[in-house]
Amino acid sequence: MKRKRLTHKTPSTKDSLGVISYQLSELHKDLAKNSKDIEDLKHQVSMGKGGIKAIFVIGSFIGLIIATLKFLKVW
């Protein structure tokens, strides 16, 4: 019994370029989304740093007031 030979169709250049173009457009979309996510993350981190600085300044003022009151023996 003879076996049938399977012939593989080689993709044409036009098909290959279409697939590559589609993949590049998908990569471009992903890159744009990642850039936006990075900007959002930078914004959140800067807000966190600002909050920590504000807490430090308020704590310093409270400590200064308490130390002054104790030094003057008012409290």
PDB file of N, CA and C in Angstrom:
ATOM      1  N   MET A   1       0.813  -1.165   0.000  1.00  0.00           N
ATOM      2  CA  MET A   1       0.000   0.000   0.000  1.00  0.00           C
ATOM      3  C   MET A   1       0.876   1.255   0.000  1.00  0.00           C
ATOM      4  N   LYS A   2       0.583   2.145  -0.878  1.00  0.00           N
ATOM      5  CA  LYS A   2       1.356   3.364  -0.961  1.00  0.00           C
ATOM      6  C   LYS A   2       0.810   4.398   0.019  1.00  0.00           C
ATOM      7  N   ARG A   3       1.769   5.098   0.620  1.00  0.00           N
ATOM      8  CA  ARG A   3       1.377   6.187   1.514  1.00  0.00           C
ATOM      9  C   ARG A   3       1.235   7.460   0.706  1.00  0.00           C
ATOM     10  N   LYS A   4       0.259   8.241   1.112  1.00  0.00           N
ATOM     11  CA  LYS A   4       0.095   9.524   0.461  1.00  0.00           C
ATOM     12  C   LYS A   4       1.089  10.512   1.055  1.00  0.00           C
ATOM     13  N   ARG A   5       1.684  11.243   0.200  1.00  0.00           N
ATOM     14  CA  ARG A   5       2.625  12.252   0.671  1.00  0.00           C
ATOM     15  C   ARG A   5       1.848  13.499   1.084  1.00  0.00           C
ATOM     16  N   LEU A   6       2.210  13.999   2.228  1.00  0.00           N
ATOM     17  CA  LEU A   6       1.602  15.230   2.683  1.00  0.00           C
ATOM     18  C   LEU A   6       2.428  16.403   2.166  1.00  0.00           C
ATOM     19  N   THR A   7       1.781  17.281   1.539  1.00  0.00           N
ATOM     20  CA  THR A   7       2.494  18.455   1.065  1.00  0.00           C
ATOM     21  C   THR A   7       2.117  19.626   1.959  1.00  0.00           C
ATOM     22  N   HIS A   8       3.129  20.306   2.418  1.00  0.00           N
ATOM     23  CA  HIS A   8       2.912  21.468   3.260  1.00  0.00           C
ATOM     24  C   HIS A   8       2.935  22.716   2.400  1.00  0.00           C
ATOM     25  N   LYS A   9       1.955  23.523   2.621  1.00  0.00           N
ATOM     26  CA  LYS A   9       1.900  24.777   1.881  1.00  0.00           C
ATOM     27  C   LYS A   9       2.793  25.779   2.600  1.00  0.00           C
ATOM     28  N   THR A  10       3.713  26.325   1.883  1.00  0.00           N
ATOM     29  CA  THR A  10       4.584  27.343   2.482  1.00  0.00           C
ATOM     30  C   THR A  10       3.826  28.667   2.478  1.00  0.00           C
ATOM     31  N   PRO A  11       3.874  29.375   3.603  1.00  0.00           N
ATOM     32  CA  PRO A  11       3.144  30.644   3.656  1.00  0.00           C
ATOM     33  C   PRO A  11       3.764  31.662   2.710  1.00  0.00           C
ATOM     34  N   SER A  12       2.906  32.438   2.120  1.00  0.00           N
ATOM     35  CA  SER A  12       3.411  33.445   1.191  1.00  0.00           C
ATOM     36  C   SER A  12       3.964  34.625   1.977  1.00  0.00           C
ATOM     37  N   THR A  13       4.736  35.429   1.312  1.00  0.00           N
ATOM     38  CA  THR A  13       5.334  36.599   1.942  1.00  0.00           C
ATOM     39  C   THR A  13       4.252  37.562   2.403  1.00  0.00           C
ATOM     40  N   LYS A  14       3.188  37.691   1.637  1.00  0.00           N
ATOM     41  CA  LYS A  14       2.103  38.595   1.987  1.00  0.00           C
ATOM     42  C   LYS A  14       1.448  38.158   3.295  1.00  0.00           C
ATOM     43  N   ASP A  15       1.220  36.842   3.451  1.00  0.00           N
ATOM     44  CA  ASP A  15       0.632  36.330   4.687  1.00  0.00           C
ATOM     45  C   ASP A  15       1.566  36.571   5.869  1.00  0.00           C
ATOM     46  N   SER A  16       2.848  36.321   5.683  1.00  0.00           N
ATOM     47  CA  SER A  16       3.821  36.504   6.758  1.00  0.00           C
ATOM     48  C   SER A  16       3.892  37.971   7.186  1.00  0.00           C
ATOM     49  N   LEU A  17       3.888  38.881   6.220  1.00  0.00           N
ATOM     50  CA  LEU A  17       3.938  40.303   6.549  1.00  0.00           C
ATOM     51  C   LEU A  17       2.662  40.738   7.275  1.00  0.00           C
ATOM     52  N   GLY A  18       1.549  40.150   6.925  1.00  0.00           N
ATOM     53  CA  GLY A  18       0.295  40.472   7.603  1.00  0.00           C
ATOM     54  C   GLY A  18       0.331  40.039   9.059  1.00  0.00           C
ATOM     55  N   VAL A  19       0.866  38.850   9.305  1.00  0.00           N
ATOM     56  CA  VAL A  19       0.976  38.347  10.676  1.00  0.00           C
ATOM     57  C   VAL A  19       1.939  39.216  11.475  1.00  0.00           C
ATOM     58  N   ILE A  20       3.056  39.552  10.883  1.00  0.00           N
ATOM     59  CA  ILE A  20       4.050  40.390  11.572  1.00  0.00           C
ATOM     60  C   ILE A  20       3.454  41.767  11.868  1.00  0.00           C
ATOM     61  N   SER A  21       2.724  42.327  10.911  1.00  0.00           N
ATOM     62  CA  SER A  21       2.091  43.633  11.110  1.00  0.00           C
ATOM     63  C   SER A  21       1.088  43.580  12.252  1.00  0.00           C
ATOM     64  N   TYR A  22       0.295  42.530  12.310  1.00  0.00           N
ATOM     65  CA  TYR A  22      -0.681  42.362  13.389  1.00  0.00           C
ATOM     66  C   TYR A  22       0.021  42.249  14.741  1.00  0.00           C
ATOM     67  N   GLN A  23       1.076  41.454  14.792  1.00  0.00           N
ATOM     68  CA  GLN A  23       1.806  41.294  16.048  1.00  0.00           C
ATOM     69  C   GLN A  23       2.437  42.611  16.492  1.00  0.00           C
ATOM     70  N   LEU A  24       2.959  43.383  15.565  1.00  0.00           N
ATOM     71  CA  LEU A  24       3.543  44.684  15.906  1.00  0.00           C
ATOM     72  C   LEU A  24       2.476  45.640  16.441  1.00  0.00           C
ATOM     73  N   SER A  25       1.297  45.611  15.835  1.00  0.00           N
ATOM     74  CA  SER A  25       0.238  46.499  16.331  1.00  0.00           C
ATOM     75  C   SER A  25      -0.197  46.088  17.731  1.00  0.00           C
ATOM     76  N   GLU A  26      -0.239  44.791  18.003  1.00  0.00           N
ATOM     77  CA  GLU A  26      -0.583  44.322  19.350  1.00  0.00           C
ATOM     78  C   GLU A  26       0.494  44.715  20.354  1.00  0.00           C
ATOM     79  N   LEU A  27       1.756  44.622  19.962  1.00  0.00           N
ATOM     80  CA  LEU A  27       2.843  45.043  20.839  1.00  0.00           C
ATOM     81  C   LEU A  27       2.758  46.542  21.126  1.00  0.00           C
ATOM     82  N   HIS A  28       2.393  47.297  20.116  1.00  0.00           N
ATOM     83  CA  HIS A  28       2.267  48.744  20.286  1.00  0.00           C
ATOM     84  C   HIS A  28       1.164  49.065  21.299  1.00  0.00           C
ATOM     85  N   LYS A  29       0.051  48.369  21.216  1.00  0.00           N
ATOM     86  CA  LYS A  29      -1.047  48.568  22.172  1.00  0.00           C
ATOM     87  C   LYS A  29      -0.588  48.222  23.589  1.00  0.00           C
ATOM     88  N   ASP A  30       0.104  47.098  23.728  1.00  0.00           N
ATOM     89  CA  ASP A  30       0.584  46.684  25.049  1.00  0.00           C
ATOM     90  C   ASP A  30       1.589  47.683  25.606  1.00  0.00           C
ATOM     91  N   LEU A  31       2.459  48.200  24.765  1.00  0.00           N
ATOM     92  CA  LEU A  31       3.455  49.172  25.195  1.00  0.00           C
ATOM     93  C   LEU A  31       2.790  50.468  25.655  1.00  0.00           C
ATOM     94  N   ALA A  32       1.774  50.904  24.951  1.00  0.00           N
ATOM     95  CA  ALA A  32       1.052  52.117  25.348  1.00  0.00           C
ATOM     96  C   ALA A  32       0.361  51.913  26.696  1.00  0.00           C
ATOM     97  N   LYS A  33      -0.229  50.745  26.895  1.00  0.00           N
ATOM     98  CA  LYS A  33      -0.896  50.450  28.167  1.00  0.00           C
ATOM     99  C   LYS A  33       0.117  50.393  29.298  1.00  0.00           C
ATOM    100  N   ASN A  34       1.255  49.775  29.064  1.00  0.00           N
ATOM    101  CA  ASN A  34       2.292  49.689  30.092  1.00  0.00           C
ATOM    102  C   ASN A  34       2.834  51.072  30.442  1.00  0.00           C
ATOM    103  N   SER A  35       2.997  51.929  29.446  1.00  0.00           N
ATOM    104  CA  SER A  35       3.478  53.284  29.711  1.00  0.00           C
ATOM    105  C   SER A  35       2.491  54.038  30.589  1.00  0.00           C
ATOM    106  N   LYS A  36       1.207  53.885  30.315  1.00  0.00           N
ATOM    107  CA  LYS A  36       0.185  54.545  31.136  1.00  0.00           C
ATOM    108  C   LYS A  36       0.216  53.996  32.556  1.00  0.00           C
ATOM    109  N   ASP A  37       0.348  52.682  32.700  1.00  0.00           N
ATOM    110  CA  ASP A  37       0.409  52.071  34.029  1.00  0.00           C
ATOM    111  C   ASP A  37       1.629  52.563  34.808  1.00  0.00           C
ATOM    112  N   ILE A  38       2.746  52.728  34.141  1.00  0.00           N
ATOM    113  CA  ILE A  38       3.960  53.215  34.803  1.00  0.00           C
ATOM    114  C   ILE A  38       3.763  54.648  35.280  1.00  0.00           C
ATOM    115  N   GLU A  39       3.132  55.481  34.468  1.00  0.00           N
ATOM    116  CA  GLU A  39       2.864  56.865  34.871  1.00  0.00           C
ATOM    117  C   GLU A  39       1.937  56.905  36.087  1.00  0.00           C
ATOM    118  N   ASP A  40       0.908  56.052  36.096  1.00  0.00           N
ATOM    119  CA  ASP A  40       0.006  55.991  37.245  1.00  0.00           C
ATOM    120  C   ASP A  40       0.749  55.546  38.500  1.00  0.00           C
ATOM    121  N   LEU A  41       1.621  54.583  38.354  1.00  0.00           N
ATOM    122  CA  LEU A  41       2.397  54.085  39.495  1.00  0.00           C
ATOM    123  C   LEU A  41       3.327  55.173  40.026  1.00  0.00           C
ATOM    124  N   LYS A  42       3.972  55.925  39.139  1.00  0.00           N
ATOM    125  CA  LYS A  42       4.838  57.027  39.574  1.00  0.00           C
ATOM    126  C   LYS A  42       4.040  58.060  40.357  1.00  0.00           C
ATOM    127  N   HIS A  43       2.828  58.344  39.907  1.00  0.00           N
ATOM    128  CA  HIS A  43       1.968  59.309  40.590  1.00  0.00           C
ATOM    129  C   HIS A  43       1.615  58.820  41.995  1.00  0.00           C
ATOM    130  N   GLN A  44       1.273  57.545  42.127  1.00  0.00           N
ATOM    131  CA  GLN A  44       0.933  56.984  43.435  1.00  0.00           C
ATOM    132  C   GLN A  44       2.129  57.011  44.373  1.00  0.00           C
ATOM    133  N   VAL A  45       3.304  56.708  43.874  1.00  0.00           N
ATOM    134  CA  VAL A  45       4.511  56.711  44.709  1.00  0.00           C
ATOM    135  C   VAL A  45       4.824  58.123  45.179  1.00  0.00           C
ATOM    136  N   SER A  46       4.678  59.102  44.295  1.00  0.00           N
ATOM    137  CA  SER A  46       4.968  60.479  44.701  1.00  0.00           C
ATOM    138  C   SER A  46       3.962  60.962  45.737  1.00  0.00           C
ATOM    139  N   MET A  47       2.714  60.534  45.619  1.00  0.00           N
ATOM    140  CA  MET A  47       1.719  60.894  46.632  1.00  0.00           C
ATOM    141  C   MET A  47       2.071  60.255  47.976  1.00  0.00           C
ATOM    142  N   GLY A  48       2.558  59.032  47.962  1.00  0.00           N
ATOM    143  CA  GLY A  48       2.960  58.360  49.198  1.00  0.00           C
ATOM    144  C   GLY A  48       4.131  59.063  49.862  1.00  0.00           C
ATOM    145  N   LYS A  49       5.097  59.489  49.052  1.00  0.00           N
ATOM    146  CA  LYS A  49       6.252  60.210  49.599  1.00  0.00           C
ATOM    147  C   LYS A  49       5.809  61.524  50.223  1.00  0.00           C
ATOM    148  N   GLY A  50       4.880  62.226  49.582  1.00  0.00           N
ATOM    149  CA  GLY A  50       4.366  63.485  50.112  1.00  0.00           C
ATOM    150  C   GLY A  50       3.640  63.274  51.428  1.00  0.00           C
ATOM    151  N   GLY A  51       2.885  62.190  51.535  1.00  0.00           N
ATOM    152  CA  GLY A  51       2.179  61.886  52.775  1.00  0.00           C
ATOM    153  C   GLY A  51       3.135  61.602  53.914  1.00  0.00           C
ATOM    154  N   ILE A  52       4.201  60.872  53.626  1.00  0.00           N
ATOM    155  CA  ILE A  52       5.191  60.563  54.659  1.00  0.00           C
ATOM    156  C   ILE A  52       5.886  61.841  55.125  1.00  0.00           C
ATOM    157  N   LYS A  53       6.202  62.731  54.199  1.00  0.00           N
ATOM    158  CA  LYS A  53       6.839  64.004  54.567  1.00  0.00           C
ATOM    159  C   LYS A  53       5.905  64.840  55.440  1.00  0.00           C
ATOM    160  N   ALA A  54       4.622  64.863  55.097  1.00  0.00           N
ATOM    161  CA  ALA A  54       3.658  65.642  55.875  1.00  0.00           C
ATOM    162  C   ALA A  54       3.545  65.093  57.294  1.00  0.00           C
ATOM    163  N   ILE A  55       3.491  63.790  57.438  1.00  0.00           N
ATOM    164  CA  ILE A  55       3.422  63.175  58.768  1.00  0.00           C
ATOM    165  C   ILE A  55       4.678  63.495  59.568  1.00  0.00           C
ATOM    166  N   PHE A  56       5.826  63.460  58.927  1.00  0.00           N
ATOM    167  CA  PHE A  56       7.084  63.778  59.606  1.00  0.00           C
ATOM    168  C   PHE A  56       7.098  65.228  60.096  1.00  0.00           C
ATOM    169  N   VAL A  57       6.642  66.156  59.268  1.00  0.00           N
ATOM    170  CA  VAL A  57       6.627  67.575  59.642  1.00  0.00           C
ATOM    171  C   VAL A  57       5.656  67.801  60.799  1.00  0.00           C
ATOM    172  N   ILE A  58       4.476  67.236  60.733  1.00  0.00           N
ATOM    173  CA  ILE A  58       3.491  67.395  61.811  1.00  0.00           C
ATOM    174  C   ILE A  58       4.028  66.799  63.109  1.00  0.00           C
ATOM    175  N   GLY A  59       4.636  65.623  63.024  1.00  0.00           N
ATOM    176  CA  GLY A  59       5.231  64.997  64.211  1.00  0.00           C
ATOM    177  C   GLY A  59       6.352  65.836  64.795  1.00  0.00           C
ATOM    178  N   SER A  60       7.139  66.447  63.933  1.00  0.00           N
ATOM    179  CA  SER A  60       8.228  67.314  64.409  1.00  0.00           C
ATOM    180  C   SER A  60       7.680  68.527  65.144  1.00  0.00           C
ATOM    181  N   PHE A  61       6.628  69.136  64.598  1.00  0.00           N
ATOM    182  CA  PHE A  61       6.020  70.281  65.273  1.00  0.00           C
ATOM    183  C   PHE A  61       5.432  69.891  66.629  1.00  0.00           C
ATOM    184  N   ILE A  62       4.762  68.773  66.689  1.00  0.00           N
ATOM    185  CA  ILE A  62       4.195  68.315  67.963  1.00  0.00           C
ATOM    186  C   ILE A  62       5.313  68.047  68.972  1.00  0.00           C
ATOM    187  N   GLY A  63       6.384  67.401  68.520  1.00  0.00           N
ATOM    188  CA  GLY A  63       7.530  67.149  69.397  1.00  0.00           C
ATOM    189  C   GLY A  63       8.177  68.441  69.873  1.00  0.00           C
ATOM    190  N   LEU A  64       8.276  69.415  68.995  1.00  0.00           N
ATOM    191  CA  LEU A  64       8.855  70.717  69.355  1.00  0.00           C
ATOM    192  C   LEU A  64       7.994  71.421  70.397  1.00  0.00           C
ATOM    193  N   ILE A  65       6.688  71.379  70.228  1.00  0.00           N
ATOM    194  CA  ILE A  65       5.783  72.013  71.189  1.00  0.00           C
ATOM    195  C   ILE A  65       5.873  71.335  72.550  1.00  0.00           C
ATOM    196  N   ILE A  66       5.865  70.015  72.550  1.00  0.00           N
ATOM    197  CA  ILE A  66       5.953  69.279  73.829  1.00  0.00           C
ATOM    198  C   ILE A  66       7.296  69.548  74.506  1.00  0.00           C
ATOM    199  N   ALA A  67       8.382  69.542  73.762  1.00  0.00           N
ATOM    200  CA  ALA A  67       9.702  69.805  74.343  1.00  0.00           C
ATOM    201  C   ALA A  67       9.783  71.218  74.907  1.00  0.00           C
ATOM    202  N   THR A  68       9.199  72.182  74.203  1.00  0.00           N
ATOM    203  CA  THR A  68       9.201  73.564  74.679  1.00  0.00           C
ATOM    204  C   THR A  68       8.390  73.683  75.967  1.00  0.00           C
ATOM    205  N   LEU A  69       7.235  73.047  76.018  1.00  0.00           N
ATOM    206  CA  LEU A  69       6.411  73.095  77.224  1.00  0.00           C
ATOM    207  C   LEU A  69       7.109  72.430  78.407  1.00  0.00           C
ATOM    208  N   LYS A  70       7.801  71.337  78.164  1.00  0.00           N
ATOM    209  CA  LYS A  70       8.522  70.666  79.246  1.00  0.00           C
ATOM    210  C   LYS A  70       9.742  71.498  79.688  1.00  0.00           C
ATOM    211  N   PHE A  71      10.370  72.144  78.736  1.00  0.00           N
ATOM    212  CA  PHE A  71      11.537  72.955  79.066  1.00  0.00           C
ATOM    213  C   PHE A  71      11.124  74.168  79.903  1.00  0.00           C
ATOM    214  N   LEU A  72       9.999  74.739  79.585  1.00  0.00           N
ATOM    215  CA  LEU A  72       9.497  75.892  80.346  1.00  0.00           C
ATOM    216  C   LEU A  72       8.715  75.455  81.604  1.00  0.00           C
ATOM    217  N   LYS A  73       8.605  74.155  81.811  1.00  0.00           N
ATOM    218  CA  LYS A  73       7.927  73.534  82.957  1.00  0.00           C
ATOM    219  C   LYS A  73       6.475  74.001  83.093  1.00  0.00           C
ATOM    220  N   VAL A  74       5.826  74.121  81.950  1.00  0.00           N
ATOM    221  CA  VAL A  74       4.411  74.486  81.939  1.00  0.00           C
ATOM    222  C   VAL A  74       3.562  73.222  82.041  1.00  0.00           C
ATOM    223  N   TRP A  75       4.079  72.170  81.520  1.00  0.00           N
ATOM    224  CA  TRP A  75       3.278  70.948  81.478  1.00  0.00           C
ATOM    225  C   TRP A  75       3.835  69.925  82.388  1.00  0.00           C
TER     226      TRP A  75
END
